[in-house]
PDB file of N, CA and C in Angstrom:
ATOM      1  N   UNK A   1      34.464 -39.980  58.890  1.00  0.00           N
ATOM      2  CA  UNK A   1      34.002 -39.130  58.082  1.00  0.00           C
ATOM      3  C   UNK A   1      33.999 -37.597  59.093  1.00  0.00           C
ATOM      4  N   UNK A   2      34.730 -36.778  58.734  1.00  0.00           N
ATOM      5  CA  UNK A   2      34.601 -35.379  59.717  1.00  0.00           C
ATOM      6  C   UNK A   2      34.317 -34.227  58.741  1.00  0.00           C
ATOM      7  N   UNK A   3      33.466 -33.409  58.918  1.00  0.00           N
ATOM      8  CA  UNK A   3      33.060 -32.370  57.957  1.00  0.00           C
ATOM      9  C   UNK A   3      32.789 -31.136  58.759  1.00  0.00           C
ATOM     10  N   UNK A   4      33.133 -29.813  58.240  1.00  0.00           N
ATOM     11  CA  UNK A   4      32.770 -28.735  59.101  1.00  0.00           C
ATOM     12  C   UNK A   4      31.644 -28.025  57.851  1.00  0.00           C
ATOM     13  N   UNK A   5      30.653 -27.638  58.380  1.00  0.00           N
ATOM     14  CA  UNK A   5      29.724 -26.889  57.305  1.00  0.00           C
ATOM     15  C   UNK A   5      29.470 -25.342  58.229  1.00  0.00           C
ATOM     16  N   UNK A   6      29.924 -24.344  57.247  1.00  0.00           N
ATOM     17  CA  UNK A   6      29.843 -23.026  57.849  1.00  0.00           C
ATOM     18  C   UNK A   6      29.001 -22.067  56.606  1.00  0.00           C
ATOM     19  N   UNK A   7      28.674 -21.215  56.844  1.00  0.00           N
ATOM     20  CA  UNK A   7      27.426 -20.408  55.675  1.00  0.00           C
ATOM     21  C   UNK A   7      28.517 -18.955  55.533  1.00  0.00           C
ATOM     22  N   UNK A   8      28.636 -18.817  54.158  1.00  0.00           N
ATOM     23  CA  UNK A   8      29.394 -17.645  53.474  1.00  0.00           C
ATOM     24  C   UNK A   8      28.074 -16.322  53.922  1.00  0.00           C
ATOM     25  N   UNK A   9      28.633 -15.263  54.141  1.00  0.00           N
ATOM     26  CA  UNK A   9      27.752 -14.217  54.130  1.00  0.00           C
ATOM     27  C   UNK A   9      26.830 -13.899  53.015  1.00  0.00           C
ATOM     28  N   UNK A  10      27.128 -14.301  51.975  1.00  0.00           N
ATOM     29  CA  UNK A  10      26.296 -14.324  50.733  1.00  0.00           C
ATOM     30  C   UNK A  10      25.260 -15.545  50.600  1.00  0.00           C
ATOM     31  N   UNK A  11      25.223 -16.193  51.683  1.00  0.00           N
ATOM     32  CA  UNK A  11      24.349 -17.466  51.804  1.00  0.00           C
ATOM     33  C   UNK A  11      24.873 -18.640  51.392  1.00  0.00           C
ATOM     34  N   UNK A  12      26.001 -18.630  50.527  1.00  0.00           N
ATOM     35  CA  UNK A  12      26.380 -20.275  50.115  1.00  0.00           C
ATOM     36  C   UNK A  12      26.873 -21.037  51.374  1.00  0.00           C
ATOM     37  N   UNK A  13      26.698 -22.254  51.215  1.00  0.00           N
ATOM     38  CA  UNK A  13      27.052 -23.348  52.031  1.00  0.00           C
ATOM     39  C   UNK A  13      28.215 -23.757  51.990  1.00  0.00           C
ATOM     40  N   UNK A  14      29.309 -23.876  52.917  1.00  0.00           N
ATOM     41  CA  UNK A  14      30.463 -24.099  52.665  1.00  0.00           C
ATOM     42  C   UNK A  14      30.776 -25.384  53.245  1.00  0.00           C
ATOM     43  N   UNK A  15      31.256 -26.665  52.545  1.00  0.00           N
ATOM     44  CA  UNK A  15      31.467 -27.835  53.319  1.00  0.00           C
ATOM     45  C   UNK A  15      33.072 -28.168  53.196  1.00  0.00           C
ATOM     46  N   UNK A  16      33.527 -28.593  54.248  1.00  0.00           N
ATOM     47  CA  UNK A  16      35.126 -28.961  54.269  1.00  0.00           C
ATOM     48  C   UNK A  16      35.070 -30.303  54.918  1.00  0.00           C
ATOM     49  N   UNK A  17      35.942 -31.189  54.178  1.00  0.00           N
ATOM     50  CA  UNK A  17      36.362 -32.389  54.700  1.00  0.00           C
ATOM     51  C   UNK A  17      37.597 -31.877  55.906  1.00  0.00           C
ATOM     52  N   UNK A  18      37.547 -32.648  57.102  1.00  0.00           N
ATOM     53  CA  UNK A  18      38.408 -32.425  58.104  1.00  0.00           C
ATOM     54  C   UNK A  18      39.460 -33.565  58.423  1.00  0.00           C
ATOM     55  N   UNK A  19      40.669 -33.477  58.532  1.00  0.00           N
ATOM     56  CA  UNK A  19      41.398 -34.533  59.046  1.00  0.00           C
ATOM     57  C   UNK A  19      41.455 -34.737  60.298  1.00  0.00           C
ATOM     58  N   UNK A  20      42.193 -35.747  61.123  1.00  0.00           N
ATOM     59  CA  UNK A  20      41.793 -36.187  62.363  1.00  0.00           C
ATOM     60  C   UNK A  20      42.245 -34.956  63.474  1.00  0.00           C
ATOM     61  N   UNK A  21      42.876 -33.955  63.025  1.00  0.00           N
ATOM     62  CA  UNK A  21      43.216 -32.933  63.965  1.00  0.00           C
ATOM     63  C   UNK A  21      42.371 -31.644  63.754  1.00  0.00           C
ATOM     64  N   UNK A  22      41.128 -31.976  62.827  1.00  0.00           N
ATOM     65  CA  UNK A  22      40.382 -30.941  62.773  1.00  0.00           C
ATOM     66  C   UNK A  22      40.667 -29.853  61.914  1.00  0.00           C
ATOM     67  N   UNK A  23      41.565 -30.046  60.779  1.00  0.00           N
ATOM     68  CA  UNK A  23      42.037 -29.158  59.918  1.00  0.00           C
ATOM     69  C   UNK A  23      41.334 -29.336  58.565  1.00  0.00           C
ATOM     70  N   UNK A  24      41.087 -28.449  57.808  1.00  0.00           N
ATOM     71  CA  UNK A  24      40.497 -28.565  56.339  1.00  0.00           C
ATOM     72  C   UNK A  24      41.399 -29.397  55.437  1.00  0.00           C
ATOM     73  N   UNK A  25      41.051 -30.613  54.910  1.00  0.00           N
ATOM     74  CA  UNK A  25      41.965 -31.179  53.902  1.00  0.00           C
ATOM     75  C   UNK A  25      42.042 -30.265  52.578  1.00  0.00           C
ATOM     76  N   UNK A  26      40.979 -29.865  52.221  1.00  0.00           N
ATOM     77  CA  UNK A  26      40.943 -28.930  51.176  1.00  0.00           C
ATOM     78  C   UNK A  26      40.141 -27.797  51.530  1.00  0.00           C
ATOM     79  N   UNK A  27      40.891 -26.781  52.122  1.00  0.00           N
ATOM     80  CA  UNK A  27      40.063 -25.503  52.508  1.00  0.00           C
ATOM     81  C   UNK A  27      39.356 -24.818  51.648  1.00  0.00           C
ATOM     82  N   UNK A  28      38.094 -24.166  52.020  1.00  0.00           N
ATOM     83  CA  UNK A  28      37.369 -23.458  50.965  1.00  0.00           C
ATOM     84  C   UNK A  28      38.173 -22.223  51.015  1.00  0.00           C
ATOM     85  N   UNK A  29      38.327 -21.318  50.017  1.00  0.00           N
ATOM     86  CA  UNK A  29      39.288 -20.009  49.652  1.00  0.00           C
ATOM     87  C   UNK A  29      38.370 -18.927  50.360  1.00  0.00           C
ATOM     88  N   UNK A  30      37.782 -19.342  51.543  1.00  0.00           N
ATOM     89  CA  UNK A  30      36.873 -18.123  52.188  1.00  0.00           C
ATOM     90  C   UNK A  30      37.641 -17.416  53.601  1.00  0.00           C
ATOM     91  N   UNK A  31      38.001 -16.253  53.779  1.00  0.00           N
ATOM     92  CA  UNK A  31      38.446 -15.959  54.748  1.00  0.00           C
ATOM     93  C   UNK A  31      37.350 -16.024  56.203  1.00  0.00           C
ATOM     94  N   UNK A  32      37.977 -16.075  57.326  1.00  0.00           N
ATOM     95  CA  UNK A  32      36.845 -16.634  58.695  1.00  0.00           C
ATOM     96  C   UNK A  32      35.838 -15.034  58.686  1.00  0.00           C
ATOM     97  N   UNK A  33      36.321 -14.096  58.169  1.00  0.00           N
ATOM     98  CA  UNK A  33      35.500 -12.703  58.304  1.00  0.00           C
ATOM     99  C   UNK A  33      34.172 -12.819  57.349  1.00  0.00           C
ATOM    100  N   UNK A  34      34.511 -13.426  56.378  1.00  0.00           N
ATOM    101  CA  UNK A  34      33.376 -13.700  55.265  1.00  0.00           C
ATOM    102  C   UNK A  34      32.418 -14.811  55.620  1.00  0.00           C
ATOM    103  N   UNK A  35      32.861 -15.601  56.844  1.00  0.00           N
ATOM    104  CA  UNK A  35      31.525 -16.597  57.097  1.00  0.00           C
ATOM    105  C   UNK A  35      30.699 -16.093  58.397  1.00  0.00           C
ATOM    106  N   UNK A  36      29.761 -16.719  58.476  1.00  0.00           N
ATOM    107  CA  UNK A  36      28.901 -16.225  59.287  1.00  0.00           C
ATOM    108  C   UNK A  36      29.238 -16.878  60.719  1.00  0.00           C
ATOM    109  N   UNK A  37      29.197 -16.304  62.143  1.00  0.00           N
ATOM    110  CA  UNK A  37      29.473 -16.923  62.922  1.00  0.00           C
ATOM    111  C   UNK A  37      28.764 -18.201  63.637  1.00  0.00           C
ATOM    112  N   UNK A  38      28.458 -19.261  62.658  1.00  0.00           N
ATOM    113  CA  UNK A  38      27.855 -20.423  62.954  1.00  0.00           C
ATOM    114  C   UNK A  38      28.548 -21.446  62.208  1.00  0.00           C
ATOM    115  N   UNK A  39      29.077 -22.505  62.953  1.00  0.00           N
ATOM    116  CA  UNK A  39      29.875 -23.405  62.263  1.00  0.00           C
ATOM    117  C   UNK A  39      29.339 -24.981  63.019  1.00  0.00           C
ATOM    118  N   UNK A  40      29.084 -25.942  62.224  1.00  0.00           N
ATOM    119  CA  UNK A  40      28.860 -27.132  62.793  1.00  0.00           C
ATOM    120  C   UNK A  40      29.771 -28.219  62.200  1.00  0.00           C
ATOM    121  N   UNK A  41      30.439 -28.985  63.176  1.00  0.00           N
ATOM    122  CA  UNK A  41      31.411 -29.901  62.860  1.00  0.00           C
ATOM    123  C   UNK A  41      30.651 -31.338  63.080  1.00  0.00           C
ATOM    124  N   UNK A  42      30.854 -32.128  61.992  1.00  0.00           N
ATOM    125  CA  UNK A  42      30.362 -33.463  62.453  1.00  0.00           C
ATOM    126  C   UNK A  42      31.424 -34.492  62.277  1.00  0.00           C
ATOM    127  N   UNK A  43      31.118 -35.617  62.857  1.00  0.00           N
ATOM    128  CA  UNK A  43      32.111 -36.817  62.953  1.00  0.00           C
ATOM    129  C   UNK A  43      31.200 -38.094  62.732  1.00  0.00           C
ATOM    130  N   UNK A  44      31.287 -38.619  61.954  1.00  0.00           N
ATOM    131  CA  UNK A  44      30.756 -40.238  61.895  1.00  0.00           C
ATOM    132  C   UNK A  44      31.471 -41.162  61.137  1.00  0.00           C
ATOM    133  N   UNK A  45      31.250 -42.467  61.245  1.00  0.00           N
ATOM    134  CA  UNK A  45      31.946 -43.491  60.504  1.00  0.00           C
ATOM    135  C   UNK A  45      31.573 -43.155  58.897  1.00  0.00           C
ATOM    136  N   UNK A  46      32.484 -43.515  57.864  1.00  0.00           N
ATOM    137  CA  UNK A  46      32.099 -43.243  56.496  1.00  0.00           C
ATOM    138  C   UNK A  46      31.380 -44.356  56.310  1.00  0.00           C
ATOM    139  N   UNK A  47      29.994 -44.679  56.542  1.00  0.00           N
ATOM    140  CA  UNK A  47      29.338 -45.786  56.089  1.00  0.00           C
ATOM    141  C   UNK A  47      27.743 -45.427  55.820  1.00  0.00           C
ATOM    142  N   UNK A  48      27.292 -46.205  55.021  1.00  0.00           N
ATOM    143  CA  UNK A  48      26.009 -45.894  54.768  1.00  0.00           C
ATOM    144  C   UNK A  48      25.021 -45.921  56.072  1.00  0.00           C
ATOM    145  N   UNK A  49      25.074 -46.781  56.914  1.00  0.00           N
ATOM    146  CA  UNK A  49      24.437 -46.653  58.208  1.00  0.00           C
ATOM    147  C   UNK A  49      24.669 -45.277  58.905  1.00  0.00           C
ATOM    148  N   UNK A  50      25.898 -45.134  59.020  1.00  0.00           N
ATOM    149  CA  UNK A  50      26.261 -43.794  60.001  1.00  0.00           C
ATOM    150  C   UNK A  50      25.539 -42.686  59.177  1.00  0.00           C
ATOM    151  N   UNK A  51      25.799 -42.520  57.912  1.00  0.00           N
ATOM    152  CA  UNK A  51      25.221 -41.428  57.116  1.00  0.00           C
ATOM    153  C   UNK A  51      23.675 -41.166  57.492  1.00  0.00           C
ATOM    154  N   UNK A  52      22.990 -42.345  57.428  1.00  0.00           N
ATOM    155  CA  UNK A  52      21.469 -42.594  57.891  1.00  0.00           C
ATOM    156  C   UNK A  52      21.301 -41.872  59.139  1.00  0.00           C
ATOM    157  N   UNK A  53      22.192 -42.619  60.106  1.00  0.00           N
ATOM    158  CA  UNK A  53      21.941 -42.010  61.668  1.00  0.00           C
ATOM    159  C   UNK A  53      22.384 -40.473  61.762  1.00  0.00           C
ATOM    160  N   UNK A  54      23.096 -39.950  61.066  1.00  0.00           N
ATOM    161  CA  UNK A  54      23.532 -38.632  61.215  1.00  0.00           C
ATOM    162  C   UNK A  54      22.556 -37.611  60.461  1.00  0.00           C
ATOM    163  N   UNK A  55      21.858 -38.141  59.229  1.00  0.00           N
ATOM    164  CA  UNK A  55      20.747 -37.368  58.666  1.00  0.00           C
ATOM    165  C   UNK A  55      19.682 -37.484  60.035  1.00  0.00           C
ATOM    166  N   UNK A  56      19.175 -38.560  60.413  1.00  0.00           N
ATOM    167  CA  UNK A  56      18.231 -38.471  61.484  1.00  0.00           C
ATOM    168  C   UNK A  56      18.315 -37.691  62.649  1.00  0.00           C
ATOM    169  N   UNK A  57      19.921 -37.566  63.093  1.00  0.00           N
ATOM    170  CA  UNK A  57      20.172 -36.563  64.057  1.00  0.00           C
ATOM    171  C   UNK A  57      19.826 -35.249  63.763  1.00  0.00           C
ATOM    172  N   UNK A  58      20.375 -34.878  62.362  1.00  0.00           N
ATOM    173  CA  UNK A  58      20.099 -33.581  62.061  1.00  0.00           C
ATOM    174  C   UNK A  58      18.602 -33.032  61.896  1.00  0.00           C
ATOM    175  N   UNK A  59      17.916 -34.146  61.351  1.00  0.00           N
ATOM    176  CA  UNK A  59      16.596 -33.626  61.304  1.00  0.00           C
ATOM    177  C   UNK A  59      16.039 -33.487  62.844  1.00  0.00           C
ATOM    178  N   UNK A  60      16.399 -34.399  63.620  1.00  0.00           N
ATOM    179  CA  UNK A  60      15.664 -34.108  65.066  1.00  0.00           C
ATOM    180  C   UNK A  60      16.497 -32.961  65.628  1.00  0.00           C
ATOM    181  N   UNK A  61      17.778 -32.594  65.363  1.00  0.00           N
ATOM    182  CA  UNK A  61      18.194 -31.214  65.875  1.00  0.00           C
ATOM    183  C   UNK A  61      17.169 -30.277  64.986  1.00  0.00           C
ATOM    184  N   UNK A  62      17.190 -30.228  64.112  1.00  0.00           N
ATOM    185  CA  UNK A  62      16.418 -29.014  62.973  1.00  0.00           C
ATOM    186  C   UNK A  62      15.011 -28.923  63.733  1.00  0.00           C
ATOM    187  N   UNK A  63      14.171 -30.114  64.024  1.00  0.00           N
ATOM    188  CA  UNK A  63      12.884 -29.894  64.629  1.00  0.00           C
ATOM    189  C   UNK A  63      12.607 -29.405  65.853  1.00  0.00           C
ATOM    190  N   UNK A  64      14.099 -29.668  66.949  1.00  0.00           N
ATOM    191  CA  UNK A  64      13.802 -29.017  68.199  1.00  0.00           C
ATOM    192  C   UNK A  64      14.024 -27.576  67.990  1.00  0.00           C
ATOM    193  N   UNK A  65      15.009 -27.136  67.351  1.00  0.00           N
ATOM    194  CA  UNK A  65      15.471 -25.768  67.008  1.00  0.00           C
ATOM    195  C   UNK A  65      14.343 -24.762  66.429  1.00  0.00           C
ATOM    196  N   UNK A  66      13.618 -25.501  65.364  1.00  0.00           N
ATOM    197  CA  UNK A  66      12.559 -24.796  64.631  1.00  0.00           C
ATOM    198  C   UNK A  66      11.229 -24.719  65.490  1.00  0.00           C
ATOM    199  N   UNK A  67      10.949 -25.740  66.538  1.00  0.00           N
ATOM    200  CA  UNK A  67       9.791 -25.707  67.105  1.00  0.00           C
ATOM    201  C   UNK A  67       9.830 -24.665  68.538  1.00  0.00           C
ATOM    202  N   UNK A  68      11.150 -24.487  68.931  1.00  0.00           N
ATOM    203  CA  UNK A  68      11.403 -23.670  69.953  1.00  0.00           C
ATOM    204  C   UNK A  68      11.254 -24.304  71.286  1.00  0.00           C
ATOM    205  N   UNK A  69      11.177 -23.499  72.656  1.00  0.00           N
ATOM    206  CA  UNK A  69      11.189 -24.415  73.769  1.00  0.00           C
ATOM    207  C   UNK A  69       9.709 -24.868  73.848  1.00  0.00           C
ATOM    208  N   UNK A  70       9.388 -26.145  74.405  1.00  0.00           N
ATOM    209  CA  UNK A  70       8.361 -26.625  74.893  1.00  0.00           C
ATOM    210  C   UNK A  70       7.593 -25.872  75.684  1.00  0.00           C
ATOM    211  N   UNK A  71       6.175 -26.036  75.297  1.00  0.00           N
ATOM    212  CA  UNK A  71       5.282 -25.226  76.197  1.00  0.00           C
ATOM    213  C   UNK A  71       5.052 -23.665  75.943  1.00  0.00           C
ATOM    214  N   UNK A  72       5.878 -23.206  74.979  1.00  0.00           N
ATOM    215  CA  UNK A  72       5.853 -21.881  74.702  1.00  0.00           C
ATOM    216  C   UNK A  72       4.839 -21.721  73.434  1.00  0.00           C
ATOM    217  N   UNK A  73       4.147 -20.645  73.246  1.00  0.00           N
ATOM    218  CA  UNK A  73       3.108 -20.454  72.239  1.00  0.00           C
ATOM    219  C   UNK A  73       3.294 -19.129  71.608  1.00  0.00           C
TER     220      UNK A  73
END
């Protein structure tokens, strides 16, 4: 499983399945200039266990980013 997540300027989340070369299989009809300059590409096996591990990883990343640097108040 390979997916790219980007955010449209109006706040919509865009999700695209990617092929082995990283190209969108069924691309969203949204030009690059309408997407925010943030993109997340994930790659994982297409299994229940891998999806669970991926969610754990994303939750950890979110926690790190939302808490900020350690020791800062």
